[in-house]
C-alpha atoms as a PDB file:
ATOM      1  CA  UNK A   1     -52.753  30.799  92.504  1.00  0.00           C
ATOM      2  CA  UNK A   2     -49.186  30.864  91.467  1.00  0.00           C
ATOM      3  CA  UNK A   3     -48.761  27.139  89.795  1.00  0.00           C
ATOM      4  CA  UNK A   4     -51.636  27.563  87.734  1.00  0.00           C
ATOM      5  CA  UNK A   5     -49.545  30.934  86.317  1.00  0.00           C
ATOM      6  CA  UNK A   6     -47.176  29.426  86.036  1.00  0.00           C
ATOM      7  CA  UNK A   7     -48.963  26.325  84.481  1.00  0.00           C
ATOM      8  CA  UNK A   8     -50.577  29.109  81.857  1.00  0.00           C
ATOM      9  CA  UNK A   9     -46.943  31.012  81.281  1.00  0.00           C
ATOM     10  CA  UNK A  10     -45.374  27.446  80.129  1.00  0.00           C
ATOM     11  CA  UNK A  11     -48.310  27.102  78.138  1.00  0.00           C
ATOM     12  CA  UNK A  12     -48.287  30.111  75.998  1.00  0.00           C
ATOM     13  CA  UNK A  13     -44.439  29.687  75.560  1.00  0.00           C
ATOM     14  CA  UNK A  14     -45.549  26.381  74.499  1.00  0.00           C
ATOM     15  CA  UNK A  15     -47.742  27.365  72.032  1.00  0.00           C
ATOM     16  CA  UNK A  16     -45.939  30.480  70.548  1.00  0.00           C
ATOM     17  CA  UNK A  17     -43.234  27.654  70.432  1.00  0.00           C
ATOM     18  CA  UNK A  18     -45.655  25.475  68.227  1.00  0.00           C
ATOM     19  CA  UNK A  19     -46.755  27.779  65.993  1.00  0.00           C
ATOM     20  CA  UNK A  20     -42.955  29.348  65.043  1.00  0.00           C
ATOM     21  CA  UNK A  21     -42.460  25.813  64.415  1.00  0.00           C
ATOM     22  CA  UNK A  22     -45.098  25.099  62.760  1.00  0.00           C
ATOM     23  CA  UNK A  23     -44.123  27.888  60.361  1.00  0.00           C
ATOM     24  CA  UNK A  24     -40.801  26.458  59.520  1.00  0.00           C
ATOM     25  CA  UNK A  25     -42.412  23.108  59.150  1.00  0.00           C
ATOM     26  CA  UNK A  26     -44.405  24.770  56.186  1.00  0.00           C
ATOM     27  CA  UNK A  27     -41.276  26.481  54.618  1.00  0.00           C
ATOM     28  CA  UNK A  28     -38.918  23.931  54.779  1.00  0.00           C
ATOM     29  CA  UNK A  29     -41.041  20.604  53.311  1.00  0.00           C
ATOM     30  CA  UNK A  30     -43.724  23.271  51.737  1.00  0.00           C
ATOM     31  CA  UNK A  31     -46.100  21.361  53.192  1.00  0.00           C
ATOM     32  CA  UNK A  32     -50.302  22.887  53.641  1.00  0.00           C
ATOM     33  CA  UNK A  33     -50.228  24.122  57.491  1.00  0.00           C
ATOM     34  CA  UNK A  34     -52.817  21.680  58.275  1.00  0.00           C
ATOM     35  CA  UNK A  35     -50.540  19.042  57.246  1.00  0.00           C
ATOM     36  CA  UNK A  36     -47.545  20.500  58.944  1.00  0.00           C
ATOM     37  CA  UNK A  37     -49.657  20.907  62.444  1.00  0.00           C
ATOM     38  CA  UNK A  38     -50.873  17.162  61.949  1.00  0.00           C
ATOM     39  CA  UNK A  39     -47.514  15.434  62.011  1.00  0.00           C
ATOM     40  CA  UNK A  40     -45.934  17.890  64.097  1.00  0.00           C
ATOM     41  CA  UNK A  41     -48.716  17.431  66.229  1.00  0.00           C
ATOM     42  CA  UNK A  42     -48.270  13.541  66.407  1.00  0.00           C
ATOM     43  CA  UNK A  43     -44.221  13.550  66.660  1.00  0.00           C
ATOM     44  CA  UNK A  44     -41.443  12.959  69.495  1.00  0.00           C
ATOM     45  CA  UNK A  45     -40.749  16.025  68.907  1.00  0.00           C
ATOM     46  CA  UNK A  46     -44.121  18.069  70.229  1.00  0.00           C
ATOM     47  CA  UNK A  47     -44.330  15.252  72.546  1.00  0.00           C
ATOM     48  CA  UNK A  48     -40.773  16.464  74.064  1.00  0.00           C
ATOM     49  CA  UNK A  49     -42.393  20.445  74.611  1.00  0.00           C
ATOM     50  CA  UNK A  50     -44.520  18.552  77.681  1.00  0.00           C
ATOM     51  CA  UNK A  51     -41.788  16.691  79.682  1.00  0.00           C
ATOM     52  CA  UNK A  52     -41.671  19.096  82.833  1.00  0.00           C
ATOM     53  CA  UNK A  53     -37.547  18.375  84.053  1.00  0.00           C
ATOM     54  CA  UNK A  54     -36.150  20.782  81.173  1.00  0.00           C
ATOM     55  CA  UNK A  55     -36.109  24.048  80.935  1.00  0.00           C
ATOM     56  CA  UNK A  56     -38.820  25.555  77.426  1.00  0.00           C
ATOM     57  CA  UNK A  57     -37.258  28.413  77.838  1.00  0.00           C
ATOM     58  CA  UNK A  58     -34.740  27.570  76.404  1.00  0.00           C
ATOM     59  CA  UNK A  59     -35.689  26.210  73.621  1.00  0.00           C
ATOM     60  CA  UNK A  60     -36.554  27.668  69.683  1.00  0.00           C
ATOM     61  CA  UNK A  61     -38.549  26.909  66.794  1.00  0.00           C
ATOM     62  CA  UNK A  62     -35.118  26.037  64.689  1.00  0.00           C
ATOM     63  CA  UNK A  63     -33.924  22.783  67.015  1.00  0.00           C
ATOM     64  CA  UNK A  64     -37.362  22.056  66.637  1.00  0.00           C
ATOM     65  CA  UNK A  65     -37.500  21.796  63.757  1.00  0.00           C
ATOM     66  CA  UNK A  66     -34.157  20.333  63.289  1.00  0.00           C
ATOM     67  CA  UNK A  67     -35.168  17.503  65.853  1.00  0.00           C
ATOM     68  CA  UNK A  68     -38.407  16.813  63.540  1.00  0.00           C
ATOM     69  CA  UNK A  69     -36.329  16.585  60.402  1.00  0.00           C
ATOM     70  CA  UNK A  70     -34.179  14.092  62.122  1.00  0.00           C
ATOM     71  CA  UNK A  71     -37.132  12.366  63.427  1.00  0.00           C
ATOM     72  CA  UNK A  72     -39.149  12.637  59.846  1.00  0.00           C
ATOM     73  CA  UNK A  73     -35.995  10.587  58.201  1.00  0.00           C
ATOM     74  CA  UNK A  74     -35.812   8.500  61.065  1.00  0.00           C
ATOM     75  CA  UNK A  75     -39.220   6.531  60.101  1.00  0.00           C
ATOM     76  CA  UNK A  76     -38.988   3.227  58.794  1.00  0.00           C
ATOM     77  CA  UNK A  77     -39.462   3.001  55.027  1.00  0.00           C
ATOM     78  CA  UNK A  78     -41.816   0.085  54.103  1.00  0.00           C
ATOM     79  CA  UNK A  79     -41.022  -2.261  50.763  1.00  0.00           C
ATOM     80  CA  UNK A  80     -44.200  -0.471  48.974  1.00  0.00           C
ATOM     81  CA  UNK A  81     -42.538   2.993  49.781  1.00  0.00           C
ATOM     82  CA  UNK A  82     -38.664   1.982  49.009  1.00  0.00           C
ATOM     83  CA  UNK A  83     -40.696   0.018  45.536  1.00  0.00           C
ATOM     84  CA  UNK A  84     -42.271   3.362  44.844  1.00  0.00           C
ATOM     85  CA  UNK A  85     -38.897   5.540  45.385  1.00  0.00           C
ATOM     86  CA  UNK A  86     -37.199   2.681  43.136  1.00  0.00           C
ATOM     87  CA  UNK A  87     -39.413   2.828  40.023  1.00  0.00           C
ATOM     88  CA  UNK A  88     -40.010   6.813  40.167  1.00  0.00           C
ATOM     89  CA  UNK A  89     -35.973   6.978  40.199  1.00  0.00           C
ATOM     90  CA  UNK A  90     -35.667   4.706  37.715  1.00  0.00           C
ATOM     91  CA  UNK A  91     -38.290   6.608  35.377  1.00  0.00           C
ATOM     92  CA  UNK A  92     -36.709   9.731  36.069  1.00  0.00           C
ATOM     93  CA  UNK A  93     -33.437   8.206  35.026  1.00  0.00           C
ATOM     94  CA  UNK A  94     -34.871   7.848  32.239  1.00  0.00           C
ATOM     95  CA  UNK A  95     -35.224  10.916  30.991  1.00  0.00           C
ATOM     96  CA  UNK A  96     -32.456  12.156  31.931  1.00  0.00           C
ATOM     97  CA  UNK A  97     -30.603   9.551  29.768  1.00  0.00           C
ATOM     98  CA  UNK A  98     -32.834  11.265  26.935  1.00  0.00           C
ATOM     99  CA  UNK A  99     -32.033  15.000  27.307  1.00  0.00           C
ATOM    100  CA  UNK A 100     -28.382  14.453  28.716  1.00  0.00           C
ATOM    101  CA  UNK A 101     -27.303  12.092  26.605  1.00  0.00           C
ATOM    102  CA  UNK A 102     -25.049  10.339  30.112  1.00  0.00           C
ATOM    103  CA  UNK A 103     -25.221   6.530  31.010  1.00  0.00           C
ATOM    104  CA  UNK A 104     -28.519   4.937  33.161  1.00  0.00           C
ATOM    105  CA  UNK A 105     -26.334   4.652  35.536  1.00  0.00           C
ATOM    106  CA  UNK A 106     -24.701   8.005  35.633  1.00  0.00           C
ATOM    107  CA  UNK A 107     -28.429   9.136  35.553  1.00  0.00           C
ATOM    108  CA  UNK A 108     -29.583   7.149  38.695  1.00  0.00           C
ATOM    109  CA  UNK A 109     -26.706   8.357  40.779  1.00  0.00           C
ATOM    110  CA  UNK A 110     -27.027  12.031  39.411  1.00  0.00           C
ATOM    111  CA  UNK A 111     -30.826  11.726  40.640  1.00  0.00           C
ATOM    112  CA  UNK A 112     -30.293  10.070  43.843  1.00  0.00           C
ATOM    113  CA  UNK A 113     -28.254  12.763  45.147  1.00  0.00           C
ATOM    114  CA  UNK A 114     -30.405  15.792  44.143  1.00  0.00           C
ATOM    115  CA  UNK A 115     -32.872  17.601  46.666  1.00  0.00           C
ATOM    116  CA  UNK A 116     -34.729  16.212  44.320  1.00  0.00           C
ATOM    117  CA  UNK A 117     -34.396  12.681  45.614  1.00  0.00           C
ATOM    118  CA  UNK A 118     -34.097  13.615  48.713  1.00  0.00           C
ATOM    119  CA  UNK A 119     -37.668  15.691  48.863  1.00  0.00           C
ATOM    120  CA  UNK A 120     -39.199  12.258  47.270  1.00  0.00           C
ATOM    121  CA  UNK A 121     -38.066  10.349  49.871  1.00  0.00           C
ATOM    122  CA  UNK A 122     -37.345  11.792  53.000  1.00  0.00           C
ATOM    123  CA  UNK A 123     -39.838  15.096  53.285  1.00  0.00           C
ATOM    124  CA  UNK A 124     -43.151  13.835  52.929  1.00  0.00           C
ATOM    125  CA  UNK A 125     -44.286  15.154  50.125  1.00  0.00           C
ATOM    126  CA  UNK A 126     -47.346  13.944  48.478  1.00  0.00           C
ATOM    127  CA  UNK A 127     -45.467  12.502  45.778  1.00  0.00           C
ATOM    128  CA  UNK A 128     -47.424   9.703  44.762  1.00  0.00           C
ATOM    129  CA  UNK A 129     -49.793  11.903  43.285  1.00  0.00           C
ATOM    130  CA  UNK A 130     -46.831  12.965  40.571  1.00  0.00           C
ATOM    131  CA  UNK A 131     -45.550  12.180  37.562  1.00  0.00           C
ATOM    132  CA  UNK A 132     -41.372  11.303  36.287  1.00  0.00           C
ATOM    133  CA  UNK A 133     -41.918  13.613  34.784  1.00  0.00           C
ATOM    134  CA  UNK A 134     -43.021  16.252  36.863  1.00  0.00           C
ATOM    135  CA  UNK A 135     -40.172  14.779  38.975  1.00  0.00           C
ATOM    136  CA  UNK A 136     -37.996  15.492  36.353  1.00  0.00           C
ATOM    137  CA  UNK A 137     -39.096  18.675  36.058  1.00  0.00           C
ATOM    138  CA  UNK A 138     -38.101  20.228  39.499  1.00  0.00           C
ATOM    139  CA  UNK A 139     -34.487  18.175  39.080  1.00  0.00           C
ATOM    140  CA  UNK A 140     -33.911  20.336  35.747  1.00  0.00           C
ATOM    141  CA  UNK A 141     -34.794  23.471  38.104  1.00  0.00           C
ATOM    142  CA  UNK A 142     -32.601  22.348  40.734  1.00  0.00           C
ATOM    143  CA  UNK A 143     -30.076  22.250  38.222  1.00  0.00           C
ATOM    144  CA  UNK A 144     -30.932  25.180  36.871  1.00  0.00           C
ATOM    145  CA  UNK A 145     -31.705  27.376  39.938  1.00  0.00           C
ATOM    146  CA  UNK A 146     -30.621  25.204  43.175  1.00  0.00           C
ATOM    147  CA  UNK A 147     -34.151  24.413  44.271  1.00  0.00           C
ATOM    148  CA  UNK A 148     -36.658  21.596  43.175  1.00  0.00           C
ATOM    149  CA  UNK A 149     -39.084  23.835  42.131  1.00  0.00           C
ATOM    150  CA  UNK A 150     -41.750  23.596  39.775  1.00  0.00           C
ATOM    151  CA  UNK A 151     -41.888  25.172  36.773  1.00  0.00           C
ATOM    152  CA  UNK A 152     -45.292  26.961  37.484  1.00  0.00           C
ATOM    153  CA  UNK A 153     -43.551  28.822  40.213  1.00  0.00           C
ATOM    154  CA  UNK A 154     -40.393  29.701  38.814  1.00  0.00           C
ATOM    155  CA  UNK A 155     -42.711  31.226  35.410  1.00  0.00           C
ATOM    156  CA  UNK A 156     -44.826  33.380  38.584  1.00  0.00           C
ATOM    157  CA  UNK A 157     -41.911  34.586  39.339  1.00  0.00           C
ATOM    158  CA  UNK A 158     -42.060  33.182  42.942  1.00  0.00           C
ATOM    159  CA  UNK A 159     -38.270  32.132  42.961  1.00  0.00           C
END
């Protein structure tokens, strides 16, 4: 009976940690809760919670978020993904060139060091349905307000 109570307590702690971590993932990556749950529950970070040889009470949602974020960054990039990133980056750089009157090389470099580019390549956002113009708007907004947000969010006063 004592072992069963301990197991239930441990499961309750894990559930609380998972829920709190998913909230942080949704905020950080701007994902839906459904997508965050799916990806987190398929991650090695989630599996870590079920290892019996560590003290779960010392785990923290922020630490789990960082573990998950690191895990996402370590995902291998496919050739197709890299080609997509390159194509989108070049298209966005061309838009920057038109509007900033700088060289293509400078524009590409500025875009590739931006949070917008990081979101494109690392965060798991579904940018394959986005246009270069959408990414360019996010990049411009990042330059204005410091965050790569869609213009609609800024206009709606969500910033």
